[in-house]
Amino acid sequence: SSGAVAVGSSVYGTGAGRERILLDEIKCNGTESSLFHCDFSIFY
C-alpha cells in the first residue's frame, strides 16, 4: 500500500541505548525499494 505514516518516538518508544542509530537525515523520493537507496547523512 502507498498509505504510510511516520510517527515520533512517543508512540512506540525508543530503542535500547543511544549508540544504535543506523540512519539519520534520510531523504527519499518515495519510489525506492529500500531506505539504503535514499540519501542520508549518517550511517552507523
PDB file of all heavy atoms in Angstrom:
ATOM      1  N   SER A   1       0.826  -1.202   0.000  1.00  0.00           N
ATOM      2  CA  SER A   1       0.000   0.000   0.000  1.00  0.00           C
ATOM      3  C   SER A   1       0.861   1.253   0.000  1.00  0.00           C
ATOM      4  O   SER A   1       1.962   1.281   0.548  1.00  0.00           O
ATOM      5  CB  SER A   1      -0.921   0.015   1.222  1.00  0.00           C
ATOM      6  OG  SER A   1      -1.592   1.251   1.326  1.00  0.00           O
ATOM      7  N   SER A   2       0.328   2.305  -0.647  1.00  0.00           N
ATOM      8  CA  SER A   2       1.025   3.590  -0.641  1.00  0.00           C
ATOM      9  C   SER A   2       0.724   4.378   0.627  1.00  0.00           C
ATOM     10  O   SER A   2       1.285   5.443   0.852  1.00  0.00           O
ATOM     11  CB  SER A   2       0.618   4.425  -1.864  1.00  0.00           C
ATOM     12  OG  SER A   2      -0.771   4.677  -1.839  1.00  0.00           O
ATOM     13  N   GLY A   3      -0.173   3.862   1.454  1.00  0.00           N
ATOM     14  CA  GLY A   3      -0.522   4.549   2.694  1.00  0.00           C
ATOM     15  C   GLY A   3       0.478   4.234   3.792  1.00  0.00           C
ATOM     16  O   GLY A   3       0.637   3.081   4.207  1.00  0.00           O
ATOM     17  N   ALA A   4       1.208   5.224   4.243  1.00  0.00           N
ATOM     18  CA  ALA A   4       2.191   5.040   5.310  1.00  0.00           C
ATOM     19  C   ALA A   4       2.361   6.352   6.052  1.00  0.00           C
ATOM     20  O   ALA A   4       2.305   7.426   5.454  1.00  0.00           O
ATOM     21  CB  ALA A   4       3.533   4.572   4.744  1.00  0.00           C
ATOM     22  N   VAL A   5       2.589   6.257   7.350  1.00  0.00           N
ATOM     23  CA  VAL A   5       2.727   7.450   8.185  1.00  0.00           C
ATOM     24  C   VAL A   5       3.938   7.288   9.088  1.00  0.00           C
ATOM     25  O   VAL A   5       4.161   6.207   9.650  1.00  0.00           O
ATOM     26  CB  VAL A   5       1.469   7.669   9.055  1.00  0.00           C
ATOM     27  CG1 VAL A   5       1.654   8.869   9.968  1.00  0.00           C
ATOM     28  CG2 VAL A   5       0.238   7.859   8.189  1.00  0.00           C
ATOM     29  N   ALA A   6       4.730   8.348   9.216  1.00  0.00           N
ATOM     30  CA  ALA A   6       5.834   8.366  10.170  1.00  0.00           C
ATOM     31  C   ALA A   6       5.346   8.933  11.489  1.00  0.00           C
ATOM     32  O   ALA A   6       4.587   9.902  11.507  1.00  0.00           O
ATOM     33  CB  ALA A   6       6.982   9.218   9.624  1.00  0.00           C
ATOM     34  N   VAL A   7       5.768   8.339  12.603  1.00  0.00           N
ATOM     35  CA  VAL A   7       5.347   8.800  13.926  1.00  0.00           C
ATOM     36  C   VAL A   7       6.560   8.967  14.821  1.00  0.00           C
ATOM     37  O   VAL A   7       7.600   8.332  14.628  1.00  0.00           O
ATOM     38  CB  VAL A   7       4.340   7.821  14.577  1.00  0.00           C
ATOM     39  CG1 VAL A   7       3.059   7.737  13.765  1.00  0.00           C
ATOM     40  CG2 VAL A   7       4.942   6.433  14.734  1.00  0.00           C
ATOM     41  N   GLY A   8       6.442   9.835  15.819  1.00  0.00           N
ATOM     42  CA  GLY A   8       7.535  10.103  16.737  1.00  0.00           C
ATOM     43  C   GLY A   8       7.745   8.997  17.755  1.00  0.00           C
ATOM     44  O   GLY A   8       6.942   8.072  17.892  1.00  0.00           O
ATOM     45  N   SER A   9       8.826   9.107  18.505  1.00  0.00           N
ATOM     46  CA  SER A   9       9.204   8.062  19.455  1.00  0.00           C
ATOM     47  C   SER A   9       8.235   7.943  20.619  1.00  0.00           C
ATOM     48  O   SER A   9       8.253   6.945  21.337  1.00  0.00           O
ATOM     49  CB  SER A   9      10.617   8.318  19.979  1.00  0.00           C
ATOM     50  OG  SER A   9      10.685   9.582  20.629  1.00  0.00           O
ATOM     51  N   SER A  10       7.360   8.950  20.812  1.00  0.00           N
ATOM     52  CA  SER A  10       6.409   8.878  21.917  1.00  0.00           C
ATOM     53  C   SER A  10       5.347   7.807  21.681  1.00  0.00           C
ATOM     54  O   SER A  10       4.662   7.401  22.623  1.00  0.00           O
ATOM     55  CB  SER A  10       5.717  10.229  22.114  1.00  0.00           C
ATOM     56  OG  SER A  10       4.948  10.583  20.971  1.00  0.00           O
ATOM     57  N   VAL A  11       5.216   7.323  20.445  1.00  0.00           N
ATOM     58  CA  VAL A  11       4.177   6.329  20.128  1.00  0.00           C
ATOM     59  C   VAL A  11       4.656   4.912  20.433  1.00  0.00           C
ATOM     60  O   VAL A  11       3.972   4.145  21.118  1.00  0.00           O
ATOM     61  CB  VAL A  11       3.750   6.448  18.657  1.00  0.00           C
ATOM     62  CG1 VAL A  11       2.683   5.415  18.320  1.00  0.00           C
ATOM     63  CG2 VAL A  11       3.220   7.858  18.381  1.00  0.00           C
ATOM     64  N   TYR A  12       5.830   4.548  19.957  1.00  0.00           N
ATOM     65  CA  TYR A  12       6.320   3.177  20.136  1.00  0.00           C
ATOM     66  C   TYR A  12       7.588   3.101  20.986  1.00  0.00           C
ATOM     67  O   TYR A  12       8.206   2.037  21.085  1.00  0.00           O
ATOM     68  CB  TYR A  12       6.582   2.525  18.771  1.00  0.00           C
ATOM     69  CG  TYR A  12       5.340   2.404  17.920  1.00  0.00           C
ATOM     70  CD1 TYR A  12       5.198   3.156  16.752  1.00  0.00           C
ATOM     71  CD2 TYR A  12       4.303   1.550  18.278  1.00  0.00           C
ATOM     72  CE1 TYR A  12       4.060   3.047  15.966  1.00  0.00           C
ATOM     73  CE2 TYR A  12       3.165   1.439  17.503  1.00  0.00           C
ATOM     74  CZ  TYR A  12       3.046   2.197  16.351  1.00  0.00           C
ATOM     75  OH  TYR A  12       1.905   2.082  15.582  1.00  0.00           O
ATOM     76  N   GLY A  13       7.976   4.207  21.586  1.00  0.00           N
ATOM     77  CA  GLY A  13       9.135   4.205  22.465  1.00  0.00           C
ATOM     78  C   GLY A  13      10.451   4.283  21.720  1.00  0.00           C
ATOM     79  O   GLY A  13      10.508   4.302  20.489  1.00  0.00           O
ATOM     80  N   THR A  14      11.536   4.328  22.483  1.00  0.00           N
ATOM     81  CA  THR A  14      12.886   4.407  21.910  1.00  0.00           C
ATOM     82  C   THR A  14      13.574   3.057  22.048  1.00  0.00           C
ATOM     83  O   THR A  14      13.247   2.247  22.903  1.00  0.00           O
ATOM     84  CB  THR A  14      13.721   5.479  22.628  1.00  0.00           C
ATOM     85  OG1 THR A  14      13.775   5.187  24.033  1.00  0.00           O
ATOM     86  CG2 THR A  14      13.104   6.851  22.443  1.00  0.00           C
ATOM     87  N   GLY A  15      14.563   2.834  21.178  1.00  0.00           N
ATOM     88  CA  GLY A  15      15.329   1.607  21.231  1.00  0.00           C
ATOM     89  C   GLY A  15      16.293   1.599  22.396  1.00  0.00           C
ATOM     90  O   GLY A  15      16.458   2.597  23.115  1.00  0.00           O
ATOM     91  N   ALA A  16      16.946   0.471  22.602  1.00  0.00           N
ATOM     92  CA  ALA A  16      17.875   0.331  23.725  1.00  0.00           C
ATOM     93  C   ALA A  16      19.179   1.055  23.414  1.00  0.00           C
ATOM     94  O   ALA A  16      19.766   0.873  22.358  1.00  0.00           O
ATOM     95  CB  ALA A  16      18.144  -1.150  24.000  1.00  0.00           C
ATOM     96  N   GLY A  17      19.613   1.904  24.351  1.00  0.00           N
ATOM     97  CA  GLY A  17      20.887   2.584  24.199  1.00  0.00           C
ATOM     98  C   GLY A  17      20.831   3.750  23.247  1.00  0.00           C
ATOM     99  O   GLY A  17      19.866   3.946  22.514  1.00  0.00           O
ATOM    100  N   ARG A  18      21.857   4.556  23.273  1.00  0.00           N
ATOM    101  CA  ARG A  18      21.921   5.741  22.417  1.00  0.00           C
ATOM    102  C   ARG A  18      22.944   5.574  21.301  1.00  0.00           C
ATOM    103  O   ARG A  18      23.223   6.512  20.584  1.00  0.00           O
ATOM    104  CB  ARG A  18      22.271   6.969  23.250  1.00  0.00           C
ATOM    105  CG  ARG A  18      21.144   7.376  24.197  1.00  0.00           C
ATOM    106  CD  ARG A  18      21.479   8.689  24.864  1.00  0.00           C
ATOM    107  NE  ARG A  18      20.360   9.187  25.652  1.00  0.00           N
ATOM    108  CZ  ARG A  18      20.363  10.359  26.277  1.00  0.00           C
ATOM    109  NH1 ARG A  18      21.420  11.140  26.203  1.00  0.00           N
ATOM    110  NH2 ARG A  18      19.318  10.741  26.970  1.00  0.00           N
ATOM    111  N   GLU A  19      23.555   4.410  21.189  1.00  0.00           N
ATOM    112  CA  GLU A  19      24.576   4.215  20.174  1.00  0.00           C
ATOM    113  C   GLU A  19      24.112   3.204  19.136  1.00  0.00           C
ATOM    114  O   GLU A  19      24.894   2.495  18.551  1.00  0.00           O
ATOM    115  CB  GLU A  19      25.880   3.758  20.828  1.00  0.00           C
ATOM    116  CG  GLU A  19      26.446   4.786  21.791  1.00  0.00           C
ATOM    117  CD  GLU A  19      27.761   4.334  22.393  1.00  0.00           C
ATOM    118  OE1 GLU A  19      28.171   3.195  22.108  1.00  0.00           O
ATOM    119  OE2 GLU A  19      28.371   5.115  23.133  1.00  0.00           O
ATOM    120  N   ARG A  20      22.790   3.182  18.891  1.00  0.00           N
ATOM    121  CA  ARG A  20      22.233   2.199  17.971  1.00  0.00           C
ATOM    122  C   ARG A  20      21.629   2.853  16.736  1.00  0.00           C
ATOM    123  O   ARG A  20      20.984   2.182  15.944  1.00  0.00           O
ATOM    124  CB  ARG A  20      21.160   1.381  18.684  1.00  0.00           C
ATOM    125  CG  ARG A  20      21.704   0.510  19.807  1.00  0.00           C
ATOM    126  CD  ARG A  20      20.538  -0.113  20.572  1.00  0.00           C
ATOM    127  NE  ARG A  20      19.647  -0.823  19.673  1.00  0.00           N
ATOM    128  CZ  ARG A  20      19.544  -2.139  19.621  1.00  0.00           C
ATOM    129  NH1 ARG A  20      20.289  -2.884  20.407  1.00  0.00           N
ATOM    130  NH2 ARG A  20      18.701  -2.720  18.796  1.00  0.00           N
ATOM    131  N   ILE A  21      21.803   4.167  16.558  1.00  0.00           N
ATOM    132  CA  ILE A  21      21.250   4.837  15.391  1.00  0.00           C
ATOM    133  C   ILE A  21      22.012   4.387  14.137  1.00  0.00           C
ATOM    134  O   ILE A  21      23.232   4.524  14.062  1.00  0.00           O
ATOM    135  CB  ILE A  21      21.338   6.363  15.531  1.00  0.00           C
ATOM    136  CG1 ILE A  21      20.461   6.842  16.678  1.00  0.00           C
ATOM    137  CG2 ILE A  21      20.933   7.044  14.230  1.00  0.00           C
ATOM    138  CD1 ILE A  21      18.983   6.719  16.424  1.00  0.00           C
ATOM    139  N   LEU A  22      21.293   3.861  13.167  1.00  0.00           N
ATOM    140  CA  LEU A  22      21.930   3.402  11.940  1.00  0.00           C
ATOM    141  C   LEU A  22      21.859   4.450  10.838  1.00  0.00           C
ATOM    142  O   LEU A  22      22.839   4.700  10.139  1.00  0.00           O
ATOM    143  CB  LEU A  22      21.269   2.112  11.461  1.00  0.00           C
ATOM    144  CG  LEU A  22      21.882   1.485  10.205  1.00  0.00           C
ATOM    145  CD1 LEU A  22      23.306   1.027  10.484  1.00  0.00           C
ATOM    146  CD2 LEU A  22      21.039   0.328   9.706  1.00  0.00           C
ATOM    147  N   LEU A  23      20.692   5.102  10.664  1.00  0.00           N
ATOM    148  CA  LEU A  23      20.492   6.069   9.597  1.00  0.00           C
ATOM    149  C   LEU A  23      19.935   7.367  10.150  1.00  0.00           C
ATOM    150  O   LEU A  23      19.098   7.345  11.058  1.00  0.00           O
ATOM    151  CB  LEU A  23      19.541   5.514   8.535  1.00  0.00           C
ATOM    152  CG  LEU A  23      19.993   4.270   7.772  1.00  0.00           C
ATOM    153  CD1 LEU A  23      18.870   3.760   6.886  1.00  0.00           C
ATOM    154  CD2 LEU A  23      21.239   4.553   6.944  1.00  0.00           C
ATOM    155  N   ASP A  24      20.370   8.490   9.577  1.00  0.00           N
ATOM    156  CA  ASP A  24      19.889   9.805  10.010  1.00  0.00           C
ATOM    157  C   ASP A  24      19.721  10.704   8.790  1.00  0.00           C
ATOM    158  O   ASP A  24      20.411  10.538   7.777  1.00  0.00           O
ATOM    159  CB  ASP A  24      20.891  10.429  10.992  1.00  0.00           C
ATOM    160  CG  ASP A  24      20.450  11.794  11.484  1.00  0.00           C
ATOM    161  OD1 ASP A  24      19.236  11.980  11.682  1.00  0.00           O
ATOM    162  OD2 ASP A  24      21.304  12.673  11.668  1.00  0.00           O
ATOM    163  N   GLU A  25      18.777  11.669   8.910  1.00  0.00           N
ATOM    164  CA  GLU A  25      18.527  12.653   7.851  1.00  0.00           C
ATOM    165  C   GLU A  25      18.327  11.977   6.495  1.00  0.00           C
ATOM    166  O   GLU A  25      18.960  12.329   5.497  1.00  0.00           O
ATOM    167  CB  GLU A  25      19.668  13.680   7.790  1.00  0.00           C
ATOM    168  CG  GLU A  25      19.746  14.532   9.050  1.00  0.00           C
ATOM    169  CD  GLU A  25      20.827  15.587   8.967  1.00  0.00           C
ATOM    170  OE1 GLU A  25      21.508  15.639   7.927  1.00  0.00           O
ATOM    171  OE2 GLU A  25      20.993  16.343   9.925  1.00  0.00           O
ATOM    172  N   ILE A  26      17.402  11.020   6.476  1.00  0.00           N
ATOM    173  CA  ILE A  26      17.116  10.288   5.244  1.00  0.00           C
ATOM    174  C   ILE A  26      16.240  11.140   4.332  1.00  0.00           C
ATOM    175  O   ILE A  26      15.282  11.765   4.780  1.00  0.00           O
ATOM    176  CB  ILE A  26      16.412   8.956   5.565  1.00  0.00           C
ATOM    177  CG1 ILE A  26      17.267   8.132   6.533  1.00  0.00           C
ATOM    178  CG2 ILE A  26      16.135   8.164   4.302  1.00  0.00           C
ATOM    179  CD1 ILE A  26      16.586   6.883   7.017  1.00  0.00           C
ATOM    180  N   LYS A  27      16.552  11.167   3.048  1.00  0.00           N
ATOM    181  CA  LYS A  27      15.763  11.884   2.052  1.00  0.00           C
ATOM    182  C   LYS A  27      15.438  10.922   0.906  1.00  0.00           C
ATOM    183  O   LYS A  27      16.339  10.507   0.177  1.00  0.00           O
ATOM    184  CB  LYS A  27      16.537  13.089   1.507  1.00  0.00           C
ATOM    185  CG  LYS A  27      16.861  14.169   2.526  1.00  0.00           C
ATOM    186  CD  LYS A  27      15.658  15.026   2.830  1.00  0.00           C
ATOM    187  CE  LYS A  27      16.031  16.146   3.805  1.00  0.00           C
ATOM    188  NZ  LYS A  27      17.017  17.090   3.247  1.00  0.00           N
ATOM    189  N   CYS A  28      14.165  10.564   0.768  1.00  0.00           N
ATOM    190  CA  CYS A  28      13.721   9.661  -0.295  1.00  0.00           C
ATOM    191  C   CYS A  28      12.786  10.403  -1.244  1.00  0.00           C
ATOM    192  O   CYS A  28      12.188  11.415  -0.871  1.00  0.00           O
ATOM    193  CB  CYS A  28      12.980   8.458   0.283  1.00  0.00           C
ATOM    194  SG  CYS A  28      13.895   7.509   1.529  1.00  0.00           S
ATOM    195  N   ASN A  29      12.628   9.878  -2.448  1.00  0.00           N
ATOM    196  CA  ASN A  29      11.600  10.427  -3.330  1.00  0.00           C
ATOM    197  C   ASN A  29      10.308   9.636  -3.214  1.00  0.00           C
ATOM    198  O   ASN A  29       9.292  10.022  -3.789  1.00  0.00           O
ATOM    199  CB  ASN A  29      12.082  10.494  -4.779  1.00  0.00           C
ATOM    200  CG  ASN A  29      12.453   9.124  -5.343  1.00  0.00           C
ATOM    201  OD1 ASN A  29      11.834   8.116  -5.008  1.00  0.00           O
ATOM    202  ND2 ASN A  29      13.461   9.085  -6.201  1.00  0.00           N
ATOM    203  N   GLY A  30      10.347   8.527  -2.490  1.00  0.00           N
ATOM    204  CA  GLY A  30       9.145   7.750  -2.207  1.00  0.00           C
ATOM    205  C   GLY A  30       8.971   6.531  -3.080  1.00  0.00           C
ATOM    206  O   GLY A  30       8.101   5.694  -2.812  1.00  0.00           O
ATOM    207  N   THR A  31       9.786   6.396  -4.122  1.00  0.00           N
ATOM    208  CA  THR A  31       9.657   5.266  -5.040  1.00  0.00           C
ATOM    209  C   THR A  31      10.722   4.196  -4.818  1.00  0.00           C
ATOM    210  O   THR A  31      10.661   3.129  -5.440  1.00  0.00           O
ATOM    211  CB  THR A  31       9.753   5.752  -6.489  1.00  0.00           C
ATOM    212  OG1 THR A  31      11.049   6.357  -6.703  1.00  0.00           O
ATOM    213  CG2 THR A  31       8.663   6.773  -6.798  1.00  0.00           C
ATOM    214  N   GLU A  32      11.679   4.445  -3.943  1.00  0.00           N
ATOM    215  CA  GLU A  32      12.764   3.484  -3.725  1.00  0.00           C
ATOM    216  C   GLU A  32      12.242   2.187  -3.098  1.00  0.00           C
ATOM    217  O   GLU A  32      11.217   2.172  -2.421  1.00  0.00           O
ATOM    218  CB  GLU A  32      13.845   4.084  -2.817  1.00  0.00           C
ATOM    219  CG  GLU A  32      14.542   5.314  -3.369  1.00  0.00           C
ATOM    220  CD  GLU A  32      13.839   6.612  -3.034  1.00  0.00           C
ATOM    221  OE1 GLU A  32      12.690   6.552  -2.531  1.00  0.00           O
ATOM    222  OE2 GLU A  32      14.426   7.684  -3.267  1.00  0.00           O
ATOM    223  N   SER A  33      12.978   1.106  -3.313  1.00  0.00           N
ATOM    224  CA  SER A  33      12.606  -0.183  -2.724  1.00  0.00           C
ATOM    225  C   SER A  33      13.225  -0.390  -1.355  1.00  0.00           C
ATOM    226  O   SER A  33      12.826  -1.288  -0.613  1.00  0.00           O
ATOM    227  CB  SER A  33      13.022  -1.328  -3.653  1.00  0.00           C
ATOM    228  OG  SER A  33      14.426  -1.297  -3.879  1.00  0.00           O
ATOM    229  N   SER A  34      14.210   0.452  -0.995  1.00  0.00           N
ATOM    230  CA  SER A  34      14.893   0.326   0.295  1.00  0.00           C
ATOM    231  C   SER A  34      15.380   1.685   0.754  1.00  0.00           C
ATOM    232  O   SER A  34      15.731   2.545  -0.073  1.00  0.00           O
ATOM    233  CB  SER A  34      16.084  -0.631   0.174  1.00  0.00           C
ATOM    234  OG  SER A  34      16.896  -0.590   1.336  1.00  0.00           O
ATOM    235  N   LEU A  35      15.410   1.900   2.057  1.00  0.00           N
ATOM    236  CA  LEU A  35      15.951   3.142   2.599  1.00  0.00           C
ATOM    237  C   LEU A  35      17.424   3.306   2.242  1.00  0.00           C
ATOM    238  O   LEU A  35      17.940   4.422   2.211  1.00  0.00           O
ATOM    239  CB  LEU A  35      15.779   3.172   4.130  1.00  0.00           C
ATOM    240  CG  LEU A  35      14.350   3.308   4.658  1.00  0.00           C
ATOM    241  CD1 LEU A  35      14.326   3.162   6.173  1.00  0.00           C
ATOM    242  CD2 LEU A  35      13.747   4.650   4.257  1.00  0.00           C
ATOM    243  N   PHE A  36      18.094   2.198   1.979  1.00  0.00           N
ATOM    244  CA  PHE A  36      19.511   2.264   1.635  1.00  0.00           C
ATOM    245  C   PHE A  36      19.723   2.900   0.269  1.00  0.00           C
ATOM    246  O   PHE A  36      20.826   3.328  -0.065  1.00  0.00           O
ATOM    247  CB  PHE A  36      20.107   0.851   1.671  1.00  0.00           C
ATOM    248  CG  PHE A  36      21.604   0.839   1.783  1.00  0.00           C
ATOM    249  CD1 PHE A  36      22.224   1.368   2.899  1.00  0.00           C
ATOM    250  CD2 PHE A  36      22.396   0.300   0.780  1.00  0.00           C
ATOM    251  CE1 PHE A  36      23.605   1.362   3.016  1.00  0.00           C
ATOM    252  CE2 PHE A  36      23.776   0.296   0.879  1.00  0.00           C
ATOM    253  CZ  PHE A  36      24.379   0.826   2.008  1.00  0.00           C
ATOM    254  N   HIS A  37      18.657   2.991  -0.539  1.00  0.00           N
ATOM    255  CA  HIS A  37      18.749   3.631  -1.850  1.00  0.00           C
ATOM    256  C   HIS A  37      18.489   5.134  -1.764  1.00  0.00           C
ATOM    257  O   HIS A  37      18.619   5.832  -2.772  1.00  0.00           O
ATOM    258  CB  HIS A  37      17.743   2.996  -2.814  1.00  0.00           C
ATOM    259  CG  HIS A  37      17.990   1.543  -3.074  1.00  0.00           C
ATOM    260  ND1 HIS A  37      17.019   0.692  -3.553  1.00  0.00           N
ATOM    261  CD2 HIS A  37      19.110   0.779  -2.904  1.00  0.00           C
ATOM    262  CE1 HIS A  37      17.515  -0.524  -3.669  1.00  0.00           C
ATOM    263  NE2 HIS A  37      18.782  -0.498  -3.291  1.00  0.00           N
ATOM    264  N   CYS A  38      18.092   5.613  -0.611  1.00  0.00           N
ATOM    265  CA  CYS A  38      17.816   7.041  -0.414  1.00  0.00           C
ATOM    266  C   CYS A  38      19.093   7.765  -0.016  1.00  0.00           C
ATOM    267  O   CYS A  38      20.110   7.148   0.304  1.00  0.00           O
ATOM    268  CB  CYS A  38      16.751   7.226   0.675  1.00  0.00           C
ATOM    269  SG  CYS A  38      15.199   6.342   0.382  1.00  0.00           S
ATOM    270  N   ASP A  39      19.042   9.084  -0.006  1.00  0.00           N
ATOM    271  CA  ASP A  39      20.161   9.864   0.517  1.00  0.00           C
ATOM    272  C   ASP A  39      20.060   9.923   2.038  1.00  0.00           C
ATOM    273  O   ASP A  39      18.975  10.044   2.594  1.00  0.00           O
ATOM    274  CB  ASP A  39      20.119  11.285  -0.051  1.00  0.00           C
ATOM    275  CG  ASP A  39      20.484  11.318  -1.511  1.00  0.00           C
ATOM    276  OD1 ASP A  39      21.318  10.490  -1.925  1.00  0.00           O
ATOM    277  OD2 ASP A  39      19.936  12.151  -2.245  1.00  0.00           O
ATOM    278  N   PHE A  40      21.170   9.863   2.711  1.00  0.00           N
ATOM    279  CA  PHE A  40      21.197  10.006   4.163  1.00  0.00           C
ATOM    280  C   PHE A  40      22.563  10.533   4.572  1.00  0.00           C
ATOM    281  O   PHE A  40      23.549  10.392   3.841  1.00  0.00           O
ATOM    282  CB  PHE A  40      20.876   8.685   4.873  1.00  0.00           C
ATOM    283  CG  PHE A  40      21.661   7.508   4.370  1.00  0.00           C
ATOM    284  CD1 PHE A  40      22.938   7.238   4.825  1.00  0.00           C
ATOM    285  CD2 PHE A  40      21.108   6.660   3.421  1.00  0.00           C
ATOM    286  CE1 PHE A  40      23.651   6.160   4.363  1.00  0.00           C
ATOM    287  CE2 PHE A  40      21.812   5.569   2.943  1.00  0.00           C
ATOM    288  CZ  PHE A  40      23.093   5.317   3.408  1.00  0.00           C
ATOM    289  N   SER A  41      22.595  11.174   5.739  1.00  0.00           N
ATOM    290  CA  SER A  41      23.835  11.847   6.140  1.00  0.00           C
ATOM    291  C   SER A  41      24.727  10.981   7.007  1.00  0.00           C
ATOM    292  O   SER A  41      25.938  11.175   7.038  1.00  0.00           O
ATOM    293  CB  SER A  41      23.518  13.142   6.897  1.00  0.00           C
ATOM    294  OG  SER A  41      22.913  12.856   8.138  1.00  0.00           O
ATOM    295  N   ILE A  42      24.161  10.037   7.732  1.00  0.00           N
ATOM    296  CA  ILE A  42      24.949   9.261   8.693  1.00  0.00           C
ATOM    297  C   ILE A  42      24.603   7.792   8.550  1.00  0.00           C
ATOM    298  O   ILE A  42      23.436   7.418   8.448  1.00  0.00           O
ATOM    299  CB  ILE A  42      24.681   9.722  10.143  1.00  0.00           C
ATOM    300  CG1 ILE A  42      25.174  11.162  10.333  1.00  0.00           C
ATOM    301  CG2 ILE A  42      25.349   8.802  11.154  1.00  0.00           C
ATOM    302  CD1 ILE A  42      24.815  11.750  11.657  1.00  0.00           C
ATOM    303  N   PHE A  43      25.611   6.967   8.527  1.00  0.00           N
ATOM    304  CA  PHE A  43      25.415   5.526   8.507  1.00  0.00           C
ATOM    305  C   PHE A  43      26.205   4.934   9.668  1.00  0.00           C
ATOM    306  O   PHE A  43      27.410   5.138   9.775  1.00  0.00           O
ATOM    307  CB  PHE A  43      25.898   4.953   7.174  1.00  0.00           C
ATOM    308  CG  PHE A  43      25.658   3.480   7.011  1.00  0.00           C
ATOM    309  CD1 PHE A  43      24.365   2.986   6.987  1.00  0.00           C
ATOM    310  CD2 PHE A  43      26.717   2.599   6.883  1.00  0.00           C
ATOM    311  CE1 PHE A  43      24.137   1.635   6.832  1.00  0.00           C
ATOM    312  CE2 PHE A  43      26.489   1.252   6.722  1.00  0.00           C
ATOM    313  CZ  PHE A  43      25.202   0.764   6.703  1.00  0.00           C
ATOM    314  N   TYR A  44      25.505   4.228  10.546  1.00  0.00           N
ATOM    315  CA  TYR A  44      26.151   3.601  11.688  1.00  0.00           C
ATOM    316  C   TYR A  44      26.704   4.652  12.647  1.00  0.00           C
ATOM    317  O   TYR A  44      27.902   4.789  12.860  1.00  0.00           O
ATOM    318  CB  TYR A  44      27.261   2.665  11.208  1.00  0.00           C
ATOM    319  CG  TYR A  44      27.712   1.639  12.224  1.00  0.00           C
ATOM    320  CD1 TYR A  44      26.823   1.123  13.157  1.00  0.00           C
ATOM    321  CD2 TYR A  44      29.027   1.187  12.243  1.00  0.00           C
ATOM    322  CE1 TYR A  44      27.238   0.182  14.074  1.00  0.00           C
ATOM    323  CE2 TYR A  44      29.463   0.250  13.151  1.00  0.00           C
ATOM    324  CZ  TYR A  44      28.565  -0.254  14.077  1.00  0.00           C
ATOM    325  OH  TYR A  44      28.971  -1.181  14.988  1.00  0.00           O
TER     326      TYR A  44
END
